[in-house]
């Protein structure tokens, strides 16, 4: 979330993330529970992650994130990081 807040969504319950987070988020963490691996996406200060509209379906069925940089900001100075833990 861009406001520093945090929310959780179940992997198997349908959710429309494109509508829920229409303004984008600064980070997203996908916790896989029993698989013992988490996926973490972080956008730098002048960029954001936007969930693409794939309809209201469970995250376990797939999701799409698009990284973008704010207007007027040099993309060479921004970054997207992805890590597993």
N, C-alpha and C. Protein backbone atom coordinates (compact mmCIF):
# COMPACT_ATOMS: atom_id res chain seq x y z
N UNK A 1 0.84 -1.17 0.00
CA UNK A 1 0.00 0.00 0.00
C UNK A 1 0.88 1.24 0.00
N UNK A 2 0.47 2.27 -0.64
CA UNK A 2 1.29 3.46 -0.71
C UNK A 2 1.23 4.28 0.55
N UNK A 3 0.26 4.05 1.44
CA UNK A 3 0.16 4.82 2.68
C UNK A 3 0.89 4.16 3.85
N UNK A 4 1.64 3.11 3.59
CA UNK A 4 2.39 2.43 4.64
C UNK A 4 1.58 1.40 5.39
N UNK A 5 0.32 1.24 5.05
CA UNK A 5 -0.53 0.26 5.72
C UNK A 5 -0.26 -1.14 5.21
N UNK A 6 -0.96 -2.07 5.79
CA UNK A 6 -0.79 -3.47 5.44
C UNK A 6 -2.13 -4.18 5.48
N UNK A 7 -2.37 -5.03 4.51
CA UNK A 7 -3.58 -5.85 4.47
C UNK A 7 -3.19 -7.25 4.03
N UNK A 8 -4.00 -8.23 4.43
CA UNK A 8 -3.75 -9.60 4.02
C UNK A 8 -4.95 -10.12 3.24
N UNK A 9 -4.66 -10.95 2.25
CA UNK A 9 -5.70 -11.61 1.46
C UNK A 9 -5.37 -13.09 1.37
N UNK A 10 -6.36 -13.91 1.53
CA UNK A 10 -6.21 -15.36 1.45
C UNK A 10 -5.89 -15.76 0.01
N UNK A 11 -5.01 -16.75 -0.16
CA UNK A 11 -4.63 -17.20 -1.50
C UNK A 11 -5.76 -17.88 -2.26
N UNK A 12 -6.74 -18.46 -1.55
CA UNK A 12 -7.77 -19.22 -2.24
C UNK A 12 -9.13 -18.53 -2.32
N UNK A 13 -9.27 -17.37 -1.68
CA UNK A 13 -10.53 -16.63 -1.75
C UNK A 13 -10.45 -15.62 -2.89
N UNK A 14 -11.51 -15.53 -3.71
CA UNK A 14 -11.50 -14.56 -4.81
C UNK A 14 -11.36 -13.12 -4.31
N UNK A 15 -10.53 -12.35 -4.99
CA UNK A 15 -10.33 -10.94 -4.67
C UNK A 15 -9.98 -10.19 -5.96
N UNK A 16 -10.48 -8.98 -6.09
CA UNK A 16 -10.18 -8.14 -7.26
C UNK A 16 -9.15 -7.10 -6.82
N UNK A 17 -7.88 -7.43 -6.90
CA UNK A 17 -6.82 -6.56 -6.42
C UNK A 17 -6.68 -5.30 -7.26
N UNK A 18 -7.00 -5.36 -8.55
CA UNK A 18 -6.89 -4.18 -9.41
C UNK A 18 -7.84 -3.09 -8.94
N UNK A 19 -9.02 -3.46 -8.48
CA UNK A 19 -9.98 -2.47 -7.98
C UNK A 19 -9.64 -2.07 -6.55
N UNK A 20 -9.31 -3.05 -5.72
CA UNK A 20 -9.00 -2.78 -4.31
C UNK A 20 -7.83 -1.83 -4.16
N UNK A 21 -6.81 -1.97 -5.00
CA UNK A 21 -5.61 -1.13 -4.93
C UNK A 21 -5.39 -0.38 -6.24
N UNK A 22 -6.42 0.29 -6.70
CA UNK A 22 -6.38 0.98 -7.99
C UNK A 22 -5.24 2.01 -8.07
N UNK A 23 -4.88 2.63 -6.96
CA UNK A 23 -3.81 3.62 -6.96
C UNK A 23 -2.42 3.03 -6.91
N UNK A 24 -2.32 1.73 -6.77
CA UNK A 24 -1.03 1.06 -6.70
C UNK A 24 -0.56 0.87 -5.28
N UNK A 25 0.50 0.12 -5.13
CA UNK A 25 1.10 -0.19 -3.83
C UNK A 25 2.61 -0.02 -3.92
N UNK A 26 3.25 0.17 -2.78
CA UNK A 26 4.71 0.30 -2.78
C UNK A 26 5.40 -1.04 -2.57
N UNK A 27 4.65 -2.02 -2.00
CA UNK A 27 5.22 -3.35 -1.82
C UNK A 27 4.11 -4.38 -1.73
N UNK A 28 4.48 -5.61 -2.01
CA UNK A 28 3.54 -6.73 -1.91
C UNK A 28 4.34 -7.95 -1.47
N UNK A 29 3.77 -8.70 -0.52
CA UNK A 29 4.40 -9.93 -0.06
C UNK A 29 3.40 -11.05 -0.21
N UNK A 30 3.81 -12.08 -0.90
CA UNK A 30 2.98 -13.26 -1.11
C UNK A 30 3.50 -14.36 -0.19
N UNK A 31 2.71 -14.70 0.82
CA UNK A 31 3.07 -15.75 1.77
C UNK A 31 2.38 -17.03 1.34
N UNK A 32 3.15 -18.06 1.15
CA UNK A 32 2.61 -19.30 0.60
C UNK A 32 2.30 -20.36 1.64
N UNK A 33 2.40 -20.01 2.90
CA UNK A 33 2.01 -20.93 3.96
C UNK A 33 2.85 -22.19 3.98
N UNK A 34 2.23 -23.33 3.72
CA UNK A 34 2.87 -24.63 3.82
C UNK A 34 4.03 -24.85 2.88
N UNK A 35 4.20 -24.01 1.86
CA UNK A 35 5.30 -24.20 0.92
C UNK A 35 6.60 -23.60 1.42
N UNK A 36 6.54 -22.88 2.55
CA UNK A 36 7.71 -22.33 3.22
C UNK A 36 8.56 -21.40 2.36
N UNK A 37 7.94 -20.66 1.45
CA UNK A 37 8.65 -19.64 0.68
C UNK A 37 7.71 -18.45 0.53
N UNK A 38 8.26 -17.26 0.72
CA UNK A 38 7.51 -16.02 0.54
C UNK A 38 8.14 -15.23 -0.59
N UNK A 39 7.31 -14.54 -1.36
CA UNK A 39 7.77 -13.70 -2.46
C UNK A 39 7.51 -12.25 -2.09
N UNK A 40 8.54 -11.40 -2.17
CA UNK A 40 8.43 -10.01 -1.76
C UNK A 40 8.80 -9.10 -2.92
N UNK A 41 7.91 -8.16 -3.23
CA UNK A 41 8.12 -7.18 -4.30
C UNK A 41 8.15 -5.80 -3.65
N UNK A 42 9.16 -4.99 -3.95
CA UNK A 42 9.27 -3.63 -3.41
C UNK A 42 9.58 -2.65 -4.52
N UNK A 43 8.80 -1.57 -4.57
CA UNK A 43 9.04 -0.49 -5.53
C UNK A 43 9.77 0.64 -4.81
N UNK A 44 10.71 1.28 -5.48
CA UNK A 44 11.42 2.40 -4.87
C UNK A 44 10.48 3.59 -4.67
N UNK A 45 10.98 4.62 -3.99
CA UNK A 45 10.16 5.74 -3.51
C UNK A 45 9.30 6.41 -4.58
N UNK A 46 9.81 6.60 -5.77
CA UNK A 46 9.07 7.32 -6.82
C UNK A 46 8.46 6.39 -7.85
N UNK A 47 8.16 5.17 -7.42
CA UNK A 47 7.54 4.21 -8.32
C UNK A 47 6.49 3.42 -7.56
N UNK A 48 5.74 2.59 -8.28
CA UNK A 48 4.68 1.82 -7.63
C UNK A 48 4.42 0.54 -8.40
N UNK A 49 3.72 -0.35 -7.72
CA UNK A 49 3.26 -1.61 -8.31
C UNK A 49 1.76 -1.51 -8.48
N UNK A 50 1.27 -1.91 -9.65
CA UNK A 50 -0.16 -1.89 -9.91
C UNK A 50 -0.60 -3.29 -10.30
N UNK A 51 -1.62 -3.80 -9.62
CA UNK A 51 -2.17 -5.10 -9.99
C UNK A 51 -2.99 -4.93 -11.26
N UNK A 52 -2.71 -5.74 -12.26
CA UNK A 52 -3.46 -5.69 -13.52
C UNK A 52 -4.79 -6.39 -13.34
N UNK A 53 -5.79 -5.93 -14.06
CA UNK A 53 -7.15 -6.47 -13.95
C UNK A 53 -7.24 -7.84 -14.61
N UNK A 54 -7.37 -8.86 -13.78
CA UNK A 54 -7.59 -10.22 -14.29
C UNK A 54 -8.89 -10.78 -13.73
N UNK A 55 -9.71 -9.88 -13.17
CA UNK A 55 -11.00 -10.30 -12.63
C UNK A 55 -10.88 -10.73 -11.18
N UNK A 56 -12.01 -11.04 -10.62
CA UNK A 56 -12.05 -11.46 -9.22
C UNK A 56 -11.84 -12.97 -9.16
N UNK A 57 -10.62 -13.35 -8.82
CA UNK A 57 -10.30 -14.77 -8.71
C UNK A 57 -9.24 -14.95 -7.63
N UNK A 58 -9.03 -16.15 -7.16
CA UNK A 58 -8.05 -16.39 -6.10
C UNK A 58 -6.62 -16.06 -6.56
N UNK A 59 -5.80 -15.56 -5.66
CA UNK A 59 -4.40 -15.28 -5.98
C UNK A 59 -3.67 -16.55 -6.40
N UNK A 60 -4.08 -17.69 -5.86
CA UNK A 60 -3.44 -18.96 -6.21
C UNK A 60 -3.63 -19.30 -7.69
N UNK A 61 -4.63 -18.71 -8.34
CA UNK A 61 -4.85 -18.92 -9.78
C UNK A 61 -3.97 -18.02 -10.64
N UNK A 62 -3.24 -17.13 -10.00
CA UNK A 62 -2.34 -16.24 -10.73
C UNK A 62 -2.70 -14.78 -10.53
N UNK A 63 -1.74 -13.91 -10.72
CA UNK A 63 -1.94 -12.47 -10.63
C UNK A 63 -0.88 -11.80 -11.48
N UNK A 64 -1.08 -10.53 -11.76
CA UNK A 64 -0.14 -9.80 -12.59
C UNK A 64 0.15 -8.44 -11.95
N UNK A 65 1.43 -8.12 -11.80
CA UNK A 65 1.87 -6.83 -11.27
C UNK A 65 2.59 -6.06 -12.35
N UNK A 66 2.32 -4.77 -12.42
CA UNK A 66 3.05 -3.90 -13.35
C UNK A 66 3.77 -2.84 -12.54
N UNK A 67 5.05 -2.65 -12.80
CA UNK A 67 5.85 -1.64 -12.12
C UNK A 67 5.88 -0.39 -12.98
N UNK A 68 5.66 0.77 -12.38
CA UNK A 68 5.73 2.03 -13.14
C UNK A 68 6.36 3.12 -12.29
N UNK A 69 6.93 4.10 -12.98
CA UNK A 69 7.61 5.23 -12.34
C UNK A 69 6.71 6.46 -12.48
N UNK A 70 6.71 7.31 -11.45
CA UNK A 70 5.90 8.53 -11.48
C UNK A 70 6.31 9.42 -12.64
N UNK A 71 5.34 10.16 -13.18
CA UNK A 71 5.62 11.11 -14.26
C UNK A 71 6.69 12.10 -13.84
N UNK A 72 7.61 12.40 -14.75
CA UNK A 72 8.65 13.38 -14.49
C UNK A 72 9.85 12.84 -13.73
N UNK A 73 9.83 11.57 -13.38
CA UNK A 73 10.94 10.95 -12.64
C UNK A 73 11.77 10.12 -13.61
N UNK A 74 13.08 10.21 -13.49
CA UNK A 74 13.98 9.44 -14.35
C UNK A 74 13.93 7.97 -13.94
N UNK A 75 13.44 7.09 -14.82
CA UNK A 75 13.34 5.67 -14.48
C UNK A 75 14.69 5.02 -14.15
N UNK A 76 15.77 5.59 -14.65
CA UNK A 76 17.09 5.03 -14.37
C UNK A 76 17.45 5.12 -12.89
N UNK A 77 16.78 6.03 -12.16
CA UNK A 77 17.07 6.20 -10.74
C UNK A 77 16.13 5.39 -9.84
N UNK A 78 15.20 4.70 -10.42
CA UNK A 78 14.22 3.94 -9.66
C UNK A 78 14.46 2.45 -9.85
N UNK A 79 13.88 1.63 -8.97
CA UNK A 79 14.09 0.20 -9.12
C UNK A 79 12.93 -0.59 -8.51
N UNK A 80 12.83 -1.80 -8.95
CA UNK A 80 11.91 -2.79 -8.42
C UNK A 80 12.78 -3.92 -7.91
N UNK A 81 12.54 -4.33 -6.68
CA UNK A 81 13.29 -5.47 -6.15
C UNK A 81 12.31 -6.64 -5.91
N UNK A 82 12.81 -7.82 -6.11
CA UNK A 82 12.06 -9.05 -5.92
C UNK A 82 12.95 -9.99 -5.13
N UNK A 83 12.41 -10.54 -4.06
CA UNK A 83 13.21 -11.49 -3.30
C UNK A 83 12.32 -12.62 -2.78
N UNK A 84 12.95 -13.71 -2.46
CA UNK A 84 12.25 -14.83 -1.82
C UNK A 84 12.89 -15.04 -0.46
N UNK A 85 12.08 -15.52 0.46
CA UNK A 85 12.66 -15.84 1.77
C UNK A 85 11.90 -16.97 2.39
